[in-house]
Amino acid sequence: MIKSKFALLYGNRSLFPASMIKDAQEELPRVLGEMGYEVISMDVGATNHGAVETPAEGREYAKFLHENKGNFDGVILSLPNFGDETGGVEALKDAGVPIFIQAYPDELSKMGSSERRDSFCGKLSMMDVFRQYGVKFSVGKPHVVSPSSRAFRENIQHFDAVCSVVKTVRGMNVGAIGARTTPFKTVRIDELALQSHGISVETVDLSDVFNRMKSVEVSNKAYKNEAEILKKTAGWDGVPDSAFDNLVRLAVVLREIAAELNLHTMSIRCWSEMQEQMGISPCVVNGILSEAGFPVACEVDTGSAVMMQILGVASKAAATVLDWNNNYEDEEEKCILFHCGNAPASLMAARGRIADHAIIAKAVGPGKGFGCNQGRMAAGDFTYGNITTDNGRIKMYLGKGTFTDDGIPENYFGVAGVADIPKLQDVLQHIGYEGHRHHVALTPGDVRGPIAEALIRYLDFDVTTFLGETL
């Protein structure tokens, strides 16, 4: 997954030694480079010490940002000393990206008037005036931190995720492949509400997908590449050659459509035309595309596609969508999360095997729905959530759970996992009362914090988080 690129800004107040600025200009880029981040900085000769103190210097920095628009994902405002809030506001009021304010700590052995930084106080002043001017910003913990510290690295990883989510949502293109299946009113979404937050929905008719699949040449490089990926992803014993061939063709066509429409994620109508006309279920193809950082949601659930993309860019890992599906005996904080076989391989406990769609087979007949990647979710922590639209607003919930090693009967169809979710009964009531869908998107790890910060602070989403924690 791609890391964010940062523009660096150094705040200054002339009462303090210039060496503080110079040291920061050496340390900060070096540490960020060691972490794998690219940075850009204004020319040192453009202002006094290459920092910003006065409004005039702030305007010079704003000009630098304007000239480099699109070449950075966030700004790190470093305060080697107290800094000057008026210059900072002038520099960043039109930055258009998330801003992280970092302040250097003082040392007890350097508290004389010529050595003290006072960045602790300066950061509060900067935050105060930014609020007054409506400049949105982020800060981390502790309040003051050295770039060479572990805490700073954790702050930047968090801020990277914030920047990734903001960048992703602004200008996200989502593909809706096929019409929504009539019975699934649960996945309806307000496209205008999405558009008001920068998310565009592009539609493609399923008949066009089928026609394009038929025209794919088996000798071309794209076909061969997709065939190799599918073979490595799961076991194919007993799968008809015709089903494998059509799954390869589907993968080729979906990637082509994604490139043509500049899509970042998509949802797809996965029954029953896929089974009736093409003899496949697209589940395993959805999984390999999601593994490659292009999430695909089932059942034309466009909201879940958006959520999967947000989760994936925050975690820098694969994301998937499952059903809130079954209770787990009488354990109130456990349930079974399931779907037909769309999970990315990296989220599964072991290599899966491709099976017929045991549920849809009851309607269309056996042998017409091969493509479900049968297996189990890997044990470990995950972040879950989903979105819906309500009167022009986007509403989201976020939480954290853990897939356990608890057993599921061998004859249980699809990919499933036993999820241990704190306050699960409250979560389920919230989902129902607020009109959320029966699907839940998830990704490994705990990335609730940066997602909530990005969507609340910078993008004006309505976000509910669980566990009663401050994120």
Protein backbone atom coordinates (compact mmCIF):
# COMPACT_ATOMS: atom_id res chain seq x y z
CA MET A 1 0.00 0.00 0.00
CA ILE A 2 1.22 3.52 -0.84
CA LYS A 3 2.36 5.78 1.99
CA SER A 4 1.38 9.43 2.22
CA LYS A 5 3.69 12.21 1.07
CA PHE A 6 4.15 15.17 3.41
CA ALA A 7 4.95 18.87 3.01
CA LEU A 8 7.07 20.12 5.92
CA LEU A 9 6.65 23.51 7.60
CA TYR A 10 8.77 24.86 10.45
CA GLY A 11 7.29 27.44 12.78
CA ASN A 12 9.61 30.03 14.30
CA ARG A 13 9.74 32.93 16.71
CA SER A 14 12.80 35.14 16.40
CA LEU A 15 13.37 35.34 20.17
CA PHE A 16 14.78 31.79 20.02
CA PRO A 17 18.10 30.54 18.61
CA ALA A 18 18.16 29.79 14.87
CA SER A 19 19.98 26.53 15.64
CA MET A 20 16.67 25.07 16.85
CA ILE A 21 15.23 25.48 13.36
CA LYS A 22 18.32 24.13 11.66
CA ASP A 23 18.39 21.02 13.84
CA ALA A 24 14.71 20.31 13.13
CA GLN A 25 15.29 20.75 9.39
CA GLU A 26 17.88 18.00 9.58
CA GLU A 27 16.12 15.65 12.00
CA LEU A 28 12.53 15.64 10.76
CA PRO A 29 13.18 14.73 7.07
CA ARG A 30 15.73 12.14 8.12
CA VAL A 31 13.35 10.35 10.49
CA LEU A 32 10.49 10.46 7.99
CA GLY A 33 12.79 9.13 5.27
CA GLU A 34 13.79 6.24 7.54
CA MET A 35 10.07 5.48 7.93
CA GLY A 36 9.65 5.35 4.16
CA TYR A 37 7.88 8.70 3.68
CA GLU A 38 8.61 11.18 0.92
CA VAL A 39 8.67 14.86 1.91
CA ILE A 40 8.85 18.24 0.23
CA SER A 41 10.07 21.47 1.84
CA MET A 42 10.17 25.13 0.87
CA ASP A 43 13.58 26.41 -0.19
CA VAL A 44 15.59 27.46 2.87
CA GLY A 45 16.39 30.77 1.26
CA ALA A 46 12.73 31.69 0.67
CA THR A 47 12.24 32.97 4.26
CA ASN A 48 14.28 33.70 7.37
CA HIS A 49 15.96 30.35 8.20
CA GLY A 50 13.56 28.61 5.81
CA ALA A 51 10.84 28.76 8.49
CA VAL A 52 7.62 30.75 8.93
CA GLU A 53 7.10 33.47 11.51
CA THR A 54 5.49 36.52 9.95
CA PRO A 55 2.30 36.67 7.84
CA ALA A 56 4.49 37.59 4.85
CA GLU A 57 6.52 34.44 5.33
CA GLY A 58 3.27 32.52 5.73
CA ARG A 59 2.08 33.79 2.37
CA GLU A 60 5.38 32.67 0.85
CA TYR A 61 4.76 29.16 2.20
CA ALA A 62 1.16 29.21 0.97
CA LYS A 63 2.53 30.01 -2.49
CA PHE A 64 4.87 27.01 -2.19
CA LEU A 65 1.92 24.75 -1.37
CA HIS A 66 -0.12 26.13 -4.26
CA GLU A 67 2.72 25.49 -6.69
CA ASN A 68 2.96 21.89 -5.41
CA LYS A 69 -0.77 21.18 -5.22
CA GLY A 70 -1.43 17.49 -5.76
CA ASN A 71 2.15 16.61 -4.82
CA PHE A 72 1.52 16.09 -1.08
CA ASP A 73 -1.16 14.42 1.04
CA GLY A 74 -0.69 16.24 4.34
CA VAL A 75 1.34 18.96 6.03
CA ILE A 76 3.49 18.47 9.13
CA LEU A 77 3.87 21.74 11.03
CA SER A 78 6.90 21.36 13.29
CA LEU A 79 7.49 23.73 16.21
CA PRO A 80 11.16 23.59 17.24
CA ASN A 81 10.35 26.60 19.43
CA PHE A 82 7.21 28.53 20.42
CA GLY A 83 6.44 29.42 16.78
CA ASP A 84 4.14 32.15 15.56
CA GLU A 85 0.45 31.41 15.13
CA THR A 86 -0.30 34.33 12.79
CA GLY A 87 2.32 33.18 10.31
CA GLY A 88 1.13 29.58 10.70
CA VAL A 89 -2.48 30.48 9.89
CA GLU A 90 -1.46 32.51 6.85
CA ALA A 91 0.63 29.58 5.61
CA LEU A 92 -1.96 26.85 6.06
CA LYS A 93 -5.47 28.33 5.95
CA ASP A 94 -5.89 27.14 2.35
CA ALA A 95 -3.75 24.00 2.53
CA GLY A 96 -6.68 21.74 1.61
CA VAL A 97 -5.15 18.66 3.26
CA PRO A 98 -4.84 17.36 6.83
CA ILE A 99 -2.35 19.24 9.02
CA PHE A 100 -0.36 17.62 11.85
CA ILE A 101 1.14 19.88 14.52
CA GLN A 102 4.27 18.53 16.22
CA ALA A 103 6.08 20.40 19.01
CA TYR A 104 9.55 19.70 20.38
CA PRO A 105 9.94 18.93 24.11
CA ASP A 106 12.10 20.98 26.46
CA GLU A 107 14.86 19.38 28.52
CA LEU A 108 15.22 20.14 32.22
CA SER A 109 18.96 20.62 31.71
CA LYS A 110 18.26 23.35 29.14
CA MET A 111 15.86 25.75 30.80
CA GLY A 112 17.91 28.93 30.57
CA SER A 113 16.45 31.82 28.58
CA SER A 114 18.74 31.11 25.63
CA GLU A 115 18.02 27.35 25.54
CA ARG A 116 14.35 26.93 26.40
CA ARG A 117 11.98 26.11 23.51
CA ASP A 118 8.53 26.84 25.02
CA SER A 119 6.98 24.72 22.23
CA PHE A 120 4.61 23.21 24.79
CA CYS A 121 2.89 26.58 25.16
CA GLY A 122 3.35 27.55 21.52
CA LYS A 123 1.50 24.46 20.31
CA LEU A 124 -1.54 25.39 22.40
CA SER A 125 -1.45 28.90 20.97
CA MET A 126 -1.20 27.55 17.43
CA MET A 127 -4.16 25.20 18.01
CA ASP A 128 -6.20 28.02 19.54
CA VAL A 129 -5.74 30.40 16.63
CA PHE A 130 -6.25 27.64 14.05
CA ARG A 131 -9.62 26.96 15.67
CA GLN A 132 -10.48 30.66 15.55
CA TYR A 133 -9.77 30.74 11.80
CA GLY A 134 -11.49 27.42 11.07
CA VAL A 135 -8.26 25.69 10.04
CA LYS A 136 -8.69 21.95 10.64
CA PHE A 137 -5.72 20.14 12.16
CA SER A 138 -4.57 16.98 13.94
CA VAL A 139 -2.37 16.46 16.99
CA GLY A 140 -0.99 13.40 18.71
CA LYS A 141 0.05 12.26 22.18
CA PRO A 142 2.11 13.20 24.10
CA HIS A 143 1.63 16.94 23.65
CA VAL A 144 5.33 17.49 22.89
CA VAL A 145 7.45 14.83 21.22
CA SER A 146 10.84 14.48 19.58
CA PRO A 147 10.86 13.23 15.97
CA SER A 148 13.41 10.61 16.97
CA SER A 149 11.07 9.05 19.53
CA ARG A 150 8.88 5.98 19.14
CA ALA A 151 5.82 8.05 20.06
CA PHE A 152 6.43 10.36 17.09
CA ARG A 153 6.64 7.41 14.73
CA GLU A 154 3.30 6.14 16.04
CA ASN A 155 1.82 9.63 15.61
CA ILE A 156 2.97 9.74 12.00
CA GLN A 157 1.63 6.28 11.21
CA HIS A 158 -1.72 7.43 12.58
CA PHE A 159 -1.54 10.68 10.58
CA ASP A 160 -0.58 8.75 7.45
CA ALA A 161 -3.82 6.78 7.80
CA VAL A 162 -5.79 10.00 8.33
CA CYS A 163 -4.30 11.50 5.16
CA SER A 164 -4.93 8.29 3.21
CA VAL A 165 -8.61 8.22 4.19
CA VAL A 166 -9.15 11.92 3.42
CA LYS A 167 -7.42 11.63 0.05
CA THR A 168 -9.33 8.46 -0.79
CA VAL A 169 -12.78 9.81 0.04
CA ARG A 170 -12.25 13.09 -1.80
CA GLY A 171 -12.55 12.05 -5.41
CA MET A 172 -13.38 8.37 -4.85
CA ASN A 173 -14.97 6.68 -7.86
CA VAL A 174 -17.11 3.63 -7.11
CA GLY A 175 -18.35 1.23 -9.73
CA ALA A 176 -21.82 -0.29 -9.43
CA ILE A 177 -21.79 -3.30 -11.75
CA GLY A 178 -25.34 -4.35 -12.54
CA ALA A 179 -28.64 -3.26 -11.05
CA ARG A 180 -29.39 -3.84 -7.39
CA THR A 181 -31.02 -7.23 -6.86
CA THR A 182 -34.72 -6.46 -6.28
CA PRO A 183 -35.13 -8.22 -2.91
CA PHE A 184 -32.12 -6.41 -1.41
CA LYS A 185 -33.56 -3.03 -0.52
CA THR A 186 -31.17 -3.26 2.42
CA VAL A 187 -28.28 -2.10 0.22
CA ARG A 188 -29.91 1.00 -1.27
CA ILE A 189 -27.74 4.11 -1.10
CA ASP A 190 -28.21 7.81 -1.84
CA GLU A 191 -25.75 8.63 -4.62
CA LEU A 192 -26.26 12.37 -4.19
CA ALA A 193 -25.31 12.13 -0.51
CA LEU A 194 -22.15 10.27 -1.53
CA GLN A 195 -21.41 12.89 -4.20
CA SER A 196 -21.75 15.72 -1.67
CA HIS A 197 -18.79 14.15 0.15
CA GLY A 198 -16.72 13.71 -3.02
CA ILE A 199 -17.69 10.11 -3.84
CA SER A 200 -18.93 9.44 -7.39
CA VAL A 201 -20.83 6.32 -8.45
CA GLU A 202 -20.34 5.03 -12.00
CA THR A 203 -22.73 2.34 -13.27
CA VAL A 204 -22.12 -0.48 -15.74
CA ASP A 205 -24.77 -2.86 -17.06
CA LEU A 206 -24.18 -6.52 -16.32
CA SER A 207 -24.96 -7.45 -19.93
CA ASP A 208 -21.96 -5.39 -21.01
CA VAL A 209 -19.77 -7.37 -18.60
CA PHE A 210 -21.03 -10.68 -20.03
CA ASN A 211 -20.46 -9.54 -23.63
CA ARG A 212 -16.94 -8.41 -22.83
CA MET A 213 -16.19 -11.70 -21.07
CA LYS A 214 -17.07 -13.60 -24.24
CA SER A 215 -14.65 -11.52 -26.31
CA VAL A 216 -11.60 -12.03 -24.06
CA GLU A 217 -8.85 -13.88 -25.91
CA VAL A 218 -7.40 -16.80 -23.94
CA SER A 219 -4.02 -16.16 -25.55
CA ASN A 220 -3.63 -12.62 -24.25
CA LYS A 221 -1.35 -11.72 -21.37
CA ALA A 222 -4.14 -10.46 -19.11
CA TYR A 223 -5.97 -13.81 -19.34
CA LYS A 224 -2.83 -15.76 -18.50
CA ASN A 225 -2.00 -13.49 -15.54
CA GLU A 226 -5.47 -13.81 -14.03
CA ALA A 227 -5.46 -17.58 -14.53
CA GLU A 228 -2.18 -17.84 -12.62
CA ILE A 229 -3.50 -15.72 -9.74
CA LEU A 230 -6.70 -17.74 -9.46
CA LYS A 231 -4.84 -21.07 -9.49
CA LYS A 232 -2.57 -19.92 -6.66
CA THR A 233 -5.39 -18.50 -4.57
CA ALA A 234 -7.33 -21.72 -3.87
CA GLY A 235 -7.75 -25.38 -4.66
CA TRP A 236 -9.75 -26.15 -7.84
CA ASP A 237 -10.38 -29.89 -7.62
CA GLY A 238 -13.73 -30.77 -9.14
CA VAL A 239 -14.31 -27.34 -10.70
CA PRO A 240 -15.42 -27.54 -14.35
CA ASP A 241 -12.97 -26.04 -16.85
CA SER A 242 -15.76 -23.85 -18.23
CA ALA A 243 -16.33 -22.28 -14.79
CA PHE A 244 -12.62 -21.61 -14.31
CA ASP A 245 -12.45 -20.07 -17.79
CA ASN A 246 -15.36 -17.73 -17.10
CA LEU A 247 -13.94 -16.69 -13.73
CA VAL A 248 -10.67 -15.76 -15.44
CA ARG A 249 -12.58 -13.78 -18.05
CA LEU A 250 -14.56 -11.98 -15.36
CA ALA A 251 -11.37 -10.97 -13.56
CA VAL A 252 -9.91 -9.59 -16.81
CA VAL A 253 -13.05 -7.59 -17.60
CA LEU A 254 -13.50 -6.13 -14.11
CA ARG A 255 -9.89 -4.90 -14.08
CA GLU A 256 -10.41 -3.36 -17.53
CA ILE A 257 -13.56 -1.57 -16.41
CA ALA A 258 -11.80 -0.32 -13.28
CA ALA A 259 -9.00 1.15 -15.38
CA GLU A 260 -11.33 2.70 -17.98
CA LEU A 261 -13.52 4.45 -15.39
CA ASN A 262 -10.69 5.22 -12.96
CA LEU A 263 -12.48 3.28 -10.22
CA HIS A 264 -11.12 2.78 -6.73
CA THR A 265 -13.61 0.13 -5.62
CA MET A 266 -16.79 -1.50 -6.90
CA SER A 267 -19.91 -3.44 -6.02
CA ILE A 268 -21.32 -6.15 -8.26
CA ARG A 269 -24.62 -7.94 -8.88
CA CYS A 270 -23.58 -11.49 -8.10
CA TRP A 271 -26.82 -13.47 -8.47
CA SER A 272 -28.66 -15.01 -10.15
CA GLU A 273 -27.71 -13.99 -13.73
CA MET A 274 -24.06 -14.90 -13.07
CA GLN A 275 -25.11 -18.44 -12.30
CA GLU A 276 -27.87 -18.77 -14.89
CA GLN A 277 -26.00 -17.26 -17.86
CA MET A 278 -22.30 -17.70 -17.08
CA GLY A 279 -22.32 -20.72 -14.76
CA ILE A 280 -20.22 -19.05 -12.05
CA SER A 281 -20.30 -17.17 -8.76
CA PRO A 282 -17.86 -14.25 -8.76
CA CYS A 283 -16.81 -14.63 -5.10
CA VAL A 284 -13.19 -15.71 -5.59
CA VAL A 285 -12.66 -12.97 -8.20
CA ASN A 286 -13.98 -10.42 -5.71
CA GLY A 287 -11.45 -11.76 -3.24
CA ILE A 288 -8.40 -11.53 -5.52
CA LEU A 289 -9.28 -7.97 -6.53
CA SER A 290 -9.73 -7.01 -2.87
CA GLU A 291 -6.37 -8.62 -2.10
CA ALA A 292 -4.81 -6.36 -4.74
CA GLY A 293 -6.15 -3.23 -3.02
CA PHE A 294 -9.26 -2.90 -5.17
CA PRO A 295 -12.15 -3.94 -2.90
CA VAL A 296 -15.22 -5.51 -4.47
CA ALA A 297 -18.47 -5.75 -2.52
CA CYS A 298 -21.18 -8.31 -3.17
CA GLU A 299 -24.84 -7.76 -4.02
CA VAL A 300 -24.35 -4.24 -5.44
CA ASP A 301 -23.75 -3.00 -1.90
CA THR A 302 -22.08 0.24 -2.93
CA GLY A 303 -21.96 1.55 0.64
CA SER A 304 -19.95 -1.48 1.72
CA ALA A 305 -17.61 -0.96 -1.26
CA VAL A 306 -16.92 2.59 -0.01
CA MET A 307 -16.39 1.31 3.53
CA MET A 308 -14.01 -1.42 2.38
CA GLN A 309 -11.89 1.11 0.53
CA ILE A 310 -11.73 3.38 3.58
CA LEU A 311 -10.76 0.48 5.85
CA GLY A 312 -8.14 -0.81 3.42
CA VAL A 313 -6.32 2.47 2.90
CA ALA A 314 -6.26 3.07 6.67
CA SER A 315 -4.91 -0.38 7.56
CA LYS A 316 -2.77 -0.72 4.42
CA ALA A 317 -4.10 -4.27 4.25
CA ALA A 318 -6.90 -6.07 2.45
CA ALA A 319 -10.55 -5.53 3.39
CA THR A 320 -13.64 -7.64 2.90
CA VAL A 321 -17.39 -7.64 3.52
CA LEU A 322 -19.30 -10.31 5.43
CA ASP A 323 -22.82 -10.84 6.74
CA TRP A 324 -23.85 -10.40 10.35
CA ASN A 325 -25.04 -13.97 10.04
CA ASN A 326 -25.44 -16.27 13.05
CA ASN A 327 -25.47 -16.33 16.82
CA TYR A 328 -22.80 -18.50 18.45
CA GLU A 329 -24.70 -20.67 20.86
CA ASP A 330 -25.76 -18.46 23.80
CA GLU A 331 -22.61 -16.31 23.96
CA GLU A 332 -23.84 -12.72 23.79
CA GLU A 333 -20.55 -11.18 22.65
CA LYS A 334 -19.85 -13.72 19.91
CA CYS A 335 -21.40 -14.29 16.50
CA ILE A 336 -20.55 -15.89 13.18
CA LEU A 337 -19.61 -13.51 10.38
CA PHE A 338 -19.98 -15.14 6.98
CA HIS A 339 -20.12 -14.72 3.25
CA CYS A 340 -20.17 -17.06 0.29
CA GLY A 341 -16.45 -17.04 -0.43
CA ASN A 342 -15.26 -13.52 -1.28
CA ALA A 343 -12.60 -13.12 1.43
CA PRO A 344 -9.08 -12.13 0.31
CA ALA A 345 -6.61 -14.97 0.84
CA SER A 346 -4.54 -12.96 3.34
CA LEU A 347 -7.54 -12.78 5.69
CA MET A 348 -8.17 -16.55 5.63
CA ALA A 349 -6.75 -19.11 8.04
CA ALA A 350 -5.58 -21.39 5.22
CA ARG A 351 -5.77 -21.81 1.48
CA GLY A 352 -9.39 -22.27 0.50
CA ARG A 353 -11.05 -24.53 -2.04
CA ILE A 354 -13.45 -23.47 -4.78
CA ALA A 355 -16.95 -24.83 -4.41
CA ASP A 356 -20.37 -24.59 -6.00
CA HIS A 357 -22.74 -22.04 -4.44
CA ALA A 358 -24.68 -24.33 -2.10
CA ILE A 359 -27.34 -21.75 -1.31
CA ILE A 360 -28.08 -20.39 -4.79
CA ALA A 361 -28.01 -23.95 -6.15
CA LYS A 362 -31.40 -24.43 -4.50
CA ALA A 363 -32.83 -21.88 -6.94
CA VAL A 364 -30.79 -22.34 -10.14
CA GLY A 365 -29.71 -25.96 -9.78
CA PRO A 366 -26.38 -27.55 -8.81
CA GLY A 367 -23.18 -27.05 -10.77
CA LYS A 368 -23.97 -23.52 -11.99
CA GLY A 369 -22.37 -21.48 -9.23
CA PHE A 370 -18.72 -22.52 -8.91
CA GLY A 371 -16.50 -19.71 -7.60
CA CYS A 372 -17.09 -19.68 -3.85
CA ASN A 373 -13.80 -19.86 -1.95
CA GLN A 374 -14.63 -22.19 0.93
CA GLY A 375 -12.62 -21.69 4.14
CA ARG A 376 -12.35 -19.88 7.48
CA MET A 377 -11.30 -16.41 8.57
CA ALA A 378 -7.90 -16.18 10.25
CA ALA A 379 -7.82 -15.50 13.98
CA GLY A 380 -6.87 -11.97 15.03
CA ASP A 381 -8.09 -8.47 15.72
CA PHE A 382 -10.05 -6.50 13.15
CA THR A 383 -11.74 -3.15 12.66
CA TYR A 384 -15.32 -3.36 11.44
CA GLY A 385 -17.89 -0.87 10.25
CA ASN A 386 -20.23 0.24 7.53
CA ILE A 387 -22.06 3.27 6.17
CA THR A 388 -25.53 4.23 5.11
CA THR A 389 -27.15 7.45 3.94
CA ASP A 390 -29.94 9.26 5.74
CA ASN A 391 -31.55 12.51 4.52
CA GLY A 392 -28.45 13.59 2.64
CA ARG A 393 -26.01 12.63 5.39
CA ILE A 394 -23.53 9.76 5.52
CA LYS A 395 -23.74 7.76 8.73
CA MET A 396 -21.07 5.30 9.83
CA TYR A 397 -20.39 2.98 12.71
CA LEU A 398 -16.94 1.70 13.70
CA GLY A 399 -15.83 -0.94 16.16
CA LYS A 400 -13.16 -3.47 17.00
CA GLY A 401 -13.49 -7.22 17.25
CA THR A 402 -11.44 -10.41 17.29
CA PHE A 403 -11.78 -13.54 15.22
CA THR A 404 -11.30 -16.48 17.59
CA ASP A 405 -10.23 -20.09 17.08
CA ASP A 406 -13.69 -21.32 18.09
CA GLY A 407 -14.95 -24.09 15.88
CA ILE A 408 -17.62 -23.93 13.19
CA PRO A 409 -19.19 -27.16 11.86
CA GLU A 410 -17.40 -28.61 8.83
CA ASN A 411 -20.59 -28.56 6.76
CA TYR A 412 -20.96 -24.78 7.20
CA PHE A 413 -20.85 -23.30 3.69
CA GLY A 414 -18.65 -20.33 2.63
CA VAL A 415 -16.00 -18.33 4.46
CA ALA A 416 -16.85 -17.69 8.08
CA GLY A 417 -15.30 -16.82 11.42
CA VAL A 418 -16.39 -16.62 15.03
CA ALA A 419 -16.14 -12.98 16.03
CA ASP A 420 -15.78 -11.83 19.63
CA ILE A 421 -17.15 -8.27 19.71
CA PRO A 422 -17.44 -6.27 22.94
CA LYS A 423 -20.97 -4.98 23.58
CA LEU A 424 -22.19 -6.95 20.56
CA GLN A 425 -25.83 -6.72 21.61
CA ASP A 426 -25.57 -2.91 21.78
CA VAL A 427 -23.86 -2.88 18.39
CA LEU A 428 -26.63 -4.95 16.81
CA GLN A 429 -29.32 -2.72 18.29
CA HIS A 430 -27.55 0.36 16.96
CA ILE A 431 -27.30 -1.18 13.49
CA GLY A 432 -31.00 -1.97 13.46
CA TYR A 433 -32.27 1.27 14.96
CA GLU A 434 -30.09 3.41 12.68
CA GLY A 435 -31.01 1.57 9.48
CA HIS A 436 -27.62 0.07 8.69
CA ARG A 437 -27.31 -2.88 6.34
CA HIS A 438 -26.89 -6.57 7.19
CA HIS A 439 -23.35 -6.47 5.79
CA VAL A 440 -20.24 -5.51 7.75
CA ALA A 441 -16.91 -4.49 6.21
CA LEU A 442 -13.68 -5.26 8.04
CA THR A 443 -9.88 -5.15 7.85
CA PRO A 444 -7.10 -6.47 10.14
CA GLY A 445 -5.87 -4.44 13.12
CA ASP A 446 -7.33 -1.46 14.92
CA VAL A 447 -7.66 1.61 12.69
CA ARG A 448 -10.77 3.12 14.24
CA GLY A 449 -8.85 6.15 15.47
CA PRO A 450 -7.50 7.52 12.19
CA ILE A 451 -10.69 6.66 10.30
CA ALA A 452 -12.89 8.44 12.84
CA GLU A 453 -10.55 11.43 12.90
CA ALA A 454 -10.41 11.73 9.12
CA LEU A 455 -14.14 11.39 8.61
CA ILE A 456 -15.30 13.53 11.52
CA ARG A 457 -12.63 16.23 11.60
CA TYR A 458 -12.01 16.68 7.89
CA LEU A 459 -14.94 15.18 5.96
CA ASP A 460 -18.10 15.88 7.98
CA PHE A 461 -19.39 12.30 8.33
CA ASP A 462 -21.61 11.21 11.21
CA VAL A 463 -19.57 8.49 12.94
CA THR A 464 -20.54 6.30 15.88
CA THR A 465 -17.74 4.41 17.62
CA PHE A 466 -18.25 1.59 20.09
CA LEU A 467 -16.60 0.62 23.39
CA GLY A 468 -17.08 4.13 24.78
CA GLU A 469 -13.44 5.00 24.06
CA THR A 470 -12.04 8.38 23.08
CA LEU A 471 -10.53 7.94 19.63
